[in-house]
Amino acid sequence: MSPYEIYERKMTKQELYAAIAKLPDIQAKRIYAYYFLEMTKTEIARAEGVSVMAVCKSITQGLKTLEKELKNFEE
């Protein structure tokens, strides 16, 4: 991997973390648990005492917001 590729990868991670930090707290926590901690949606729901549907909706909405936010980084 070239130094430029390493730099690009690092910047992409920083942009992702910055975008996640802008999400509402509950969405950020659920996305982190699902994608980074590799918890299932059922496990997240059980840990929070909420329905799986609530977790699914929250993650979906958070991902839509992340998509918009990350497109702004490209511009």
N, C-alpha and C. Protein backbone atom coordinates (compact mmCIF):
# COMPACT_ATOMS: atom_id res chain seq x y z
N MET A 1 0.85 -1.17 0.00
CA MET A 1 0.00 0.00 0.00
C MET A 1 0.90 1.24 0.00
N SER A 2 0.58 2.17 -0.87
CA SER A 2 1.39 3.38 -0.99
C SER A 2 1.08 4.33 0.17
N PRO A 3 1.98 5.28 0.44
CA PRO A 3 1.70 6.27 1.48
C PRO A 3 0.40 7.04 1.22
N TYR A 4 0.14 7.32 -0.05
CA TYR A 4 -1.09 8.02 -0.40
C TYR A 4 -2.32 7.18 -0.05
N GLU A 5 -2.27 5.90 -0.35
CA GLU A 5 -3.39 5.01 -0.03
C GLU A 5 -3.60 4.91 1.48
N ILE A 6 -2.52 4.86 2.22
CA ILE A 6 -2.61 4.83 3.69
C ILE A 6 -3.27 6.12 4.19
N TYR A 7 -2.83 7.24 3.63
CA TYR A 7 -3.40 8.54 4.01
C TYR A 7 -4.90 8.58 3.69
N GLU A 8 -5.27 8.14 2.49
CA GLU A 8 -6.67 8.14 2.08
C GLU A 8 -7.53 7.28 3.00
N ARG A 9 -7.01 6.11 3.34
CA ARG A 9 -7.75 5.21 4.23
C ARG A 9 -7.94 5.86 5.60
N LYS A 10 -6.88 6.50 6.10
CA LYS A 10 -6.96 7.16 7.41
C LYS A 10 -7.98 8.29 7.37
N MET A 11 -7.97 9.07 6.30
CA MET A 11 -8.91 10.18 6.18
C MET A 11 -10.35 9.66 6.10
N THR A 12 -10.55 8.58 5.38
CA THR A 12 -11.88 8.00 5.26
C THR A 12 -12.40 7.56 6.63
N LYS A 13 -11.55 6.93 7.42
CA LYS A 13 -11.95 6.52 8.77
C LYS A 13 -12.29 7.73 9.62
N GLN A 14 -11.47 8.77 9.54
CA GLN A 14 -11.72 9.97 10.32
C GLN A 14 -13.05 10.61 9.92
N GLU A 15 -13.32 10.64 8.63
CA GLU A 15 -14.59 11.20 8.15
C GLU A 15 -15.77 10.37 8.65
N LEU A 16 -15.61 9.06 8.62
CA LEU A 16 -16.67 8.17 9.10
C LEU A 16 -16.93 8.40 10.59
N TYR A 17 -15.88 8.43 11.38
CA TYR A 17 -16.05 8.65 12.82
C TYR A 17 -16.66 10.02 13.11
N ALA A 18 -16.26 11.03 12.35
CA ALA A 18 -16.82 12.37 12.54
C ALA A 18 -18.30 12.39 12.19
N ALA A 19 -18.67 11.69 11.13
CA ALA A 19 -20.08 11.63 10.72
C ALA A 19 -20.91 10.88 11.76
N ILE A 20 -20.38 9.79 12.28
CA ILE A 20 -21.09 9.03 13.32
C ILE A 20 -21.28 9.89 14.57
N ALA A 21 -20.28 10.68 14.90
CA ALA A 21 -20.36 11.54 16.09
C ALA A 21 -21.45 12.59 15.97
N LYS A 22 -21.84 12.94 14.75
CA LYS A 22 -22.89 13.94 14.54
C LYS A 22 -24.30 13.35 14.65
N LEU A 23 -24.39 12.04 14.66
CA LEU A 23 -25.70 11.39 14.76
C LEU A 23 -26.28 11.57 16.16
N PRO A 24 -27.61 11.46 16.28
CA PRO A 24 -28.19 11.40 17.62
C PRO A 24 -27.54 10.24 18.39
N ASP A 25 -27.37 10.43 19.67
CA ASP A 25 -26.62 9.49 20.51
C ASP A 25 -27.09 8.04 20.34
N ILE A 26 -28.38 7.82 20.36
CA ILE A 26 -28.89 6.44 20.30
C ILE A 26 -28.57 5.80 18.96
N GLN A 27 -28.68 6.56 17.87
CA GLN A 27 -28.33 6.02 16.55
C GLN A 27 -26.85 5.69 16.47
N ALA A 28 -26.02 6.58 16.98
CA ALA A 28 -24.58 6.35 16.96
C ALA A 28 -24.22 5.10 17.75
N LYS A 29 -24.80 4.95 18.93
CA LYS A 29 -24.51 3.78 19.76
C LYS A 29 -24.95 2.49 19.09
N ARG A 30 -26.12 2.52 18.47
CA ARG A 30 -26.63 1.31 17.82
C ARG A 30 -25.80 0.95 16.59
N ILE A 31 -25.43 1.92 15.81
CA ILE A 31 -24.58 1.65 14.64
C ILE A 31 -23.23 1.13 15.08
N TYR A 32 -22.67 1.73 16.12
CA TYR A 32 -21.38 1.27 16.64
C TYR A 32 -21.50 -0.18 17.13
N ALA A 33 -22.54 -0.47 17.89
CA ALA A 33 -22.72 -1.83 18.41
C ALA A 33 -22.90 -2.84 17.28
N TYR A 34 -23.66 -2.47 16.28
CA TYR A 34 -23.96 -3.40 15.18
C TYR A 34 -22.75 -3.62 14.26
N TYR A 35 -22.11 -2.54 13.85
CA TYR A 35 -21.04 -2.68 12.85
C TYR A 35 -19.65 -2.86 13.45
N PHE A 36 -19.38 -2.24 14.58
CA PHE A 36 -18.04 -2.32 15.15
C PHE A 36 -17.92 -3.42 16.20
N LEU A 37 -18.96 -3.59 17.02
CA LEU A 37 -18.93 -4.64 18.04
C LEU A 37 -19.53 -5.94 17.52
N GLU A 38 -20.11 -5.89 16.33
CA GLU A 38 -20.71 -7.05 15.67
C GLU A 38 -21.81 -7.71 16.50
N MET A 39 -22.57 -6.88 17.21
CA MET A 39 -23.74 -7.38 17.94
C MET A 39 -24.89 -7.52 16.94
N THR A 40 -25.77 -8.47 17.18
CA THR A 40 -26.96 -8.58 16.34
C THR A 40 -27.97 -7.52 16.78
N LYS A 41 -28.93 -7.27 15.92
CA LYS A 41 -29.98 -6.32 16.27
C LYS A 41 -30.79 -6.84 17.46
N THR A 42 -30.96 -8.14 17.52
CA THR A 42 -31.67 -8.74 18.65
C THR A 42 -30.90 -8.52 19.95
N GLU A 43 -29.58 -8.69 19.91
CA GLU A 43 -28.76 -8.47 21.11
C GLU A 43 -28.83 -7.02 21.56
N ILE A 44 -28.78 -6.11 20.61
CA ILE A 44 -28.86 -4.68 20.94
C ILE A 44 -30.21 -4.38 21.58
N ALA A 45 -31.27 -4.88 20.96
CA ALA A 45 -32.62 -4.65 21.49
C ALA A 45 -32.77 -5.20 22.90
N ARG A 46 -32.27 -6.39 23.11
CA ARG A 46 -32.35 -7.03 24.43
C ARG A 46 -31.57 -6.21 25.46
N ALA A 47 -30.38 -5.76 25.10
CA ALA A 47 -29.54 -4.98 26.03
C ALA A 47 -30.19 -3.65 26.39
N GLU A 48 -30.93 -3.07 25.45
CA GLU A 48 -31.56 -1.78 25.68
C GLU A 48 -32.99 -1.89 26.20
N GLY A 49 -33.55 -3.08 26.14
CA GLY A 49 -34.93 -3.26 26.58
C GLY A 49 -35.94 -2.65 25.62
N VAL A 50 -35.61 -2.68 24.32
CA VAL A 50 -36.51 -2.15 23.30
C VAL A 50 -36.79 -3.24 22.26
N SER A 51 -37.67 -2.94 21.33
CA SER A 51 -37.99 -3.92 20.30
C SER A 51 -36.90 -3.96 19.23
N VAL A 52 -36.81 -5.10 18.56
CA VAL A 52 -35.86 -5.24 17.45
C VAL A 52 -36.22 -4.24 16.36
N MET A 53 -37.51 -4.02 16.15
CA MET A 53 -37.95 -3.06 15.13
C MET A 53 -37.43 -1.66 15.43
N ALA A 54 -37.43 -1.26 16.69
CA ALA A 54 -36.92 0.06 17.07
C ALA A 54 -35.44 0.17 16.73
N VAL A 55 -34.69 -0.89 16.98
CA VAL A 55 -33.26 -0.90 16.66
C VAL A 55 -33.07 -0.84 15.15
N CYS A 56 -33.83 -1.63 14.41
CA CYS A 56 -33.73 -1.64 12.94
C CYS A 56 -34.01 -0.27 12.35
N LYS A 57 -35.09 0.36 12.81
CA LYS A 57 -35.45 1.69 12.30
C LYS A 57 -34.38 2.72 12.62
N SER A 58 -33.85 2.65 13.83
CA SER A 58 -32.83 3.59 14.26
C SER A 58 -31.56 3.44 13.43
N ILE A 59 -31.13 2.21 13.21
CA ILE A 59 -29.93 1.96 12.41
C ILE A 59 -30.14 2.41 10.97
N THR A 60 -31.30 2.09 10.41
CA THR A 60 -31.60 2.49 9.04
C THR A 60 -31.59 4.00 8.89
N GLN A 61 -32.23 4.70 9.81
CA GLN A 61 -32.25 6.16 9.75
C GLN A 61 -30.84 6.73 9.92
N GLY A 62 -30.08 6.16 10.83
CA GLY A 62 -28.70 6.61 11.03
C GLY A 62 -27.85 6.41 9.79
N LEU A 63 -28.04 5.30 9.11
CA LEU A 63 -27.27 5.03 7.88
C LEU A 63 -27.64 6.01 6.77
N LYS A 64 -28.91 6.37 6.68
CA LYS A 64 -29.34 7.36 5.69
C LYS A 64 -28.68 8.71 5.97
N THR A 65 -28.66 9.08 7.24
CA THR A 65 -28.03 10.34 7.63
C THR A 65 -26.53 10.29 7.36
N LEU A 66 -25.90 9.16 7.67
CA LEU A 66 -24.47 9.01 7.40
C LEU A 66 -24.17 9.14 5.91
N GLU A 67 -25.01 8.55 5.09
CA GLU A 67 -24.81 8.63 3.65
C GLU A 67 -24.81 10.08 3.18
N LYS A 68 -25.78 10.85 3.66
CA LYS A 68 -25.85 12.27 3.30
C LYS A 68 -24.63 13.03 3.81
N GLU A 69 -24.25 12.76 5.04
CA GLU A 69 -23.12 13.45 5.66
C GLU A 69 -21.82 13.14 4.93
N LEU A 70 -21.62 11.89 4.57
CA LEU A 70 -20.38 11.49 3.90
C LEU A 70 -20.33 12.03 2.47
N LYS A 71 -21.47 12.21 1.84
CA LYS A 71 -21.49 12.84 0.51
C LYS A 71 -21.01 14.28 0.62
N ASN A 72 -21.32 14.94 1.73
CA ASN A 72 -20.86 16.31 1.95
C ASN A 72 -19.34 16.38 2.07
N PHE A 73 -18.71 15.33 2.60
CA PHE A 73 -17.26 15.29 2.71
C PHE A 73 -16.61 15.24 1.33
N GLU A 74 -17.29 14.60 0.38
CA GLU A 74 -16.74 14.46 -0.96
C GLU A 74 -16.73 15.78 -1.71
N GLU A 75 -17.64 16.68 -1.36
CA GLU A 75 -17.77 17.94 -2.10
C GLU A 75 -16.76 18.97 -1.69
